[in-house]
Structures are given as structure tokens and as C-alpha cells.
C-alpha atoms as a PDB file:
ATOM      1  CA  MET A   1     -14.975  10.763  -4.327  1.00  0.00           C
ATOM      2  CA  SER A   2     -16.204   7.532  -2.793  1.00  0.00           C
ATOM      3  CA  ALA A   3     -14.586   4.174  -2.116  1.00  0.00           C
ATOM      4  CA  PHE A   4     -16.165   0.796  -1.396  1.00  0.00           C
ATOM      5  CA  PHE A   5     -14.593  -2.524  -0.383  1.00  0.00           C
ATOM      6  CA  SER A   6     -15.765  -5.911  -1.620  1.00  0.00           C
ATOM      7  CA  ALA A   7     -17.125  -8.354   0.973  1.00  0.00           C
ATOM      8  CA  ASP A   8     -13.791 -10.217   1.158  1.00  0.00           C
ATOM      9  CA  SER A   9     -11.712  -6.958   1.196  1.00  0.00           C
ATOM     10  CA  LYS A  10      -9.779  -8.114  -1.885  1.00  0.00           C
ATOM     11  CA  ARG A  11     -11.067  -5.334  -4.159  1.00  0.00           C
ATOM     12  CA  ILE A  12     -11.649  -1.611  -3.796  1.00  0.00           C
ATOM     13  CA  PHE A  13     -14.034   0.282  -6.027  1.00  0.00           C
ATOM     14  CA  SER A  14     -13.333   4.027  -6.060  1.00  0.00           C
ATOM     15  CA  VAL A  15     -15.411   6.626  -7.901  1.00  0.00           C
ATOM     16  CA  ALA A  16     -13.965  10.051  -8.692  1.00  0.00           C
ATOM     17  CA  GLN A  17     -15.945  13.289  -9.061  1.00  0.00           C
ATOM     18  CA  ASN A  18     -15.492  13.178 -12.844  1.00  0.00           C
ATOM     19  CA  GLY A  19     -17.224   9.779 -13.014  1.00  0.00           C
ATOM     20  CA  THR A  20     -14.146   7.590 -13.339  1.00  0.00           C
ATOM     21  CA  LEU A  21     -14.469   4.188 -11.673  1.00  0.00           C
ATOM     22  CA  LEU A  22     -11.233   2.567 -10.557  1.00  0.00           C
ATOM     23  CA  LEU A  23     -11.125  -1.108  -9.614  1.00  0.00           C
ATOM     24  CA  TRP A  24      -8.203  -2.046  -7.369  1.00  0.00           C
ATOM     25  CA  LYS A  25      -7.250  -5.699  -6.865  1.00  0.00           C
ATOM     26  CA  TRP A  26      -5.308  -7.047  -3.880  1.00  0.00           C
ATOM     27  CA  THR A  27      -2.018  -8.816  -4.589  1.00  0.00           C
ATOM     28  CA  PRO A  28      -0.494 -10.759  -1.697  1.00  0.00           C
ATOM     29  CA  ASN A  29       3.125  -9.810  -2.349  1.00  0.00           C
ATOM     30  CA  ARG A  30       4.887  -6.878  -3.860  1.00  0.00           C
ATOM     31  CA  SER A  31       6.811  -7.372  -7.053  1.00  0.00           C
ATOM     32  CA  GLU A  32      10.563  -6.927  -7.181  1.00  0.00           C
ATOM     33  CA  GLU A  33      10.047  -3.923  -9.461  1.00  0.00           C
ATOM     34  CA  ALA A  34       7.680  -2.288  -6.956  1.00  0.00           C
ATOM     35  CA  ASP A  35      10.211  -2.805  -4.155  1.00  0.00           C
ATOM     36  CA  LYS A  36      12.892  -1.128  -6.289  1.00  0.00           C
ATOM     37  CA  VAL A  37      10.624   1.875  -6.911  1.00  0.00           C
ATOM     38  CA  ILE A  38       9.841   2.202  -3.192  1.00  0.00           C
ATOM     39  CA  LYS A  39      13.531   1.999  -2.247  1.00  0.00           C
ATOM     40  CA  PHE A  40      14.418   4.584  -4.900  1.00  0.00           C
ATOM     41  CA  GLN A  41      11.714   6.952  -3.615  1.00  0.00           C
ATOM     42  CA  GLU A  42      13.086   6.571  -0.082  1.00  0.00           C
ATOM     43  CA  PHE A  43      16.583   7.276  -1.409  1.00  0.00           C
ATOM     44  CA  LYS A  44      15.409  10.413  -3.222  1.00  0.00           C
ATOM     45  CA  MET A  45      13.563  11.651  -0.153  1.00  0.00           C
ATOM     46  CA  GLY A  46      16.574  11.024   2.085  1.00  0.00           C
ATOM     47  CA  LYS A  47      18.859  12.764  -0.377  1.00  0.00           C
ATOM     48  CA  ARG A  48      16.584  15.794  -0.586  1.00  0.00           C
ATOM     49  CA  LEU A  49      16.281  16.011   3.195  1.00  0.00           C
ATOM     50  CA  LYS A  50      20.001  15.333   3.626  1.00  0.00           C
ATOM     51  CA  VAL A  51      19.496  12.553   6.127  1.00  0.00           C
ATOM     52  CA  GLY A  52      21.134   9.155   6.259  1.00  0.00           C
ATOM     53  CA  GLN A  53      19.482   5.818   5.683  1.00  0.00           C
ATOM     54  CA  ASP A  54      19.482   5.065   9.416  1.00  0.00           C
ATOM     55  CA  LYS A  55      16.365   6.211  11.212  1.00  0.00           C
ATOM     56  CA  PRO A  56      17.166   6.106  14.924  1.00  0.00           C
ATOM     57  CA  ASN A  57      13.599   6.927  16.030  1.00  0.00           C
ATOM     58  CA  ALA A  58      11.884   4.481  13.648  1.00  0.00           C
ATOM     59  CA  TYR A  59       9.507   2.060  15.335  1.00  0.00           C
ATOM     60  CA  ALA A  60      10.368  -1.612  14.961  1.00  0.00           C
ATOM     61  CA  VAL A  61       7.412  -3.998  14.933  1.00  0.00           C
ATOM     62  CA  THR A  62       7.686  -6.650  17.641  1.00  0.00           C
ATOM     63  CA  ASP A  63       6.176 -10.141  17.887  1.00  0.00           C
ATOM     64  CA  ASP A  64       3.710  -8.779  20.450  1.00  0.00           C
ATOM     65  CA  ASP A  65       2.516  -6.239  17.874  1.00  0.00           C
ATOM     66  CA  VAL A  66       2.001  -8.955  15.278  1.00  0.00           C
ATOM     67  CA  GLU A  67       0.008 -11.056  17.752  1.00  0.00           C
ATOM     68  CA  LEU A  68      -2.393  -8.137  18.294  1.00  0.00           C
ATOM     69  CA  MET A  69      -2.983  -7.641  14.556  1.00  0.00           C
ATOM     70  CA  THR A  70      -6.047  -9.021  12.835  1.00  0.00           C
ATOM     71  CA  GLU A  71      -5.603 -11.448   9.947  1.00  0.00           C
ATOM     72  CA  LEU A  72      -6.419  -8.625   7.503  1.00  0.00           C
ATOM     73  CA  GLU A  73      -3.736  -6.383   9.059  1.00  0.00           C
ATOM     74  CA  ARG A  74      -1.117  -9.131   8.856  1.00  0.00           C
ATOM     75  CA  GLU A  75      -1.972  -9.775   5.228  1.00  0.00           C
ATOM     76  CA  ALA A  76      -2.066  -6.059   4.371  1.00  0.00           C
ATOM     77  CA  ALA A  77       1.456  -5.597   5.706  1.00  0.00           C
ATOM     78  CA  THR A  78       2.846  -7.937   3.059  1.00  0.00           C
ATOM     79  CA  GLY A  79       0.971  -6.950  -0.098  1.00  0.00           C
ATOM     80  CA  ARG A  80      -0.668  -4.072  -1.923  1.00  0.00           C
ATOM     81  CA  PHE A  81      -3.560  -3.053  -4.141  1.00  0.00           C
ATOM     82  CA  LEU A  82      -2.909  -2.767  -7.890  1.00  0.00           C
ATOM     83  CA  LEU A  83      -5.093  -0.945 -10.398  1.00  0.00           C
ATOM     84  CA  GLU A  84      -6.989  -3.626 -12.297  1.00  0.00           C
ATOM     85  CA  LYS A  85      -9.474  -1.648 -14.382  1.00  0.00           C
ATOM     86  CA  ARG A  86     -10.407   1.956 -15.136  1.00  0.00           C
ATOM     87  CA  SER A  87     -13.809   2.919 -16.561  1.00  0.00           C
ATOM     88  CA  ARG A  88     -15.262   6.325 -17.351  1.00  0.00           C
ATOM     89  CA  PHE A  89     -18.984   7.007 -17.218  1.00  0.00           C
END
């Protein structure tokens, strides 16, 4: 498998061993539906592991951390890549 980024880092082209080309497109914000799915997955994982929602050792991002991030890192923290096209060769 191989993956390539576009020059502006807004698209990813990934090629699987079976010849399938996947084109991923950057979206700046996550949809409400995607947030619900992520929260549900976290709930299921917490339920299976029998842990509470509180994570006492979780790292909280500070303003100093954000200042050290590149523009791409700041943008990546707020959005995601969605599958735009699938082609088989």
C-alpha cells in the first residue's frame, strides 16, 4: 500500500495492493453525525473496559502547545479526511 499527499495537503491518494485507489478529501470541520459516532465508540470502549468517562491521566492541550503547532497541525486538529472517490484498476 502507498499513500501520497497533494501539494496543498488537502487530498490523500492511497493505493491498496489489490489496485484500489482511494481519494480522500479534507473537510475543515467534523459533522454532527461524525461527532455522535465518535462519542458512541468512546462510550462502547469505556463500557467494555469498565472505566468511567473521566480520564484522570489524559493530557490537556495548553495555549503553549497550540502556539508551537504549525498551521497544518492546528487545522488538522479541527477537521478530518472523508472518502471522496474509490476506483479499481
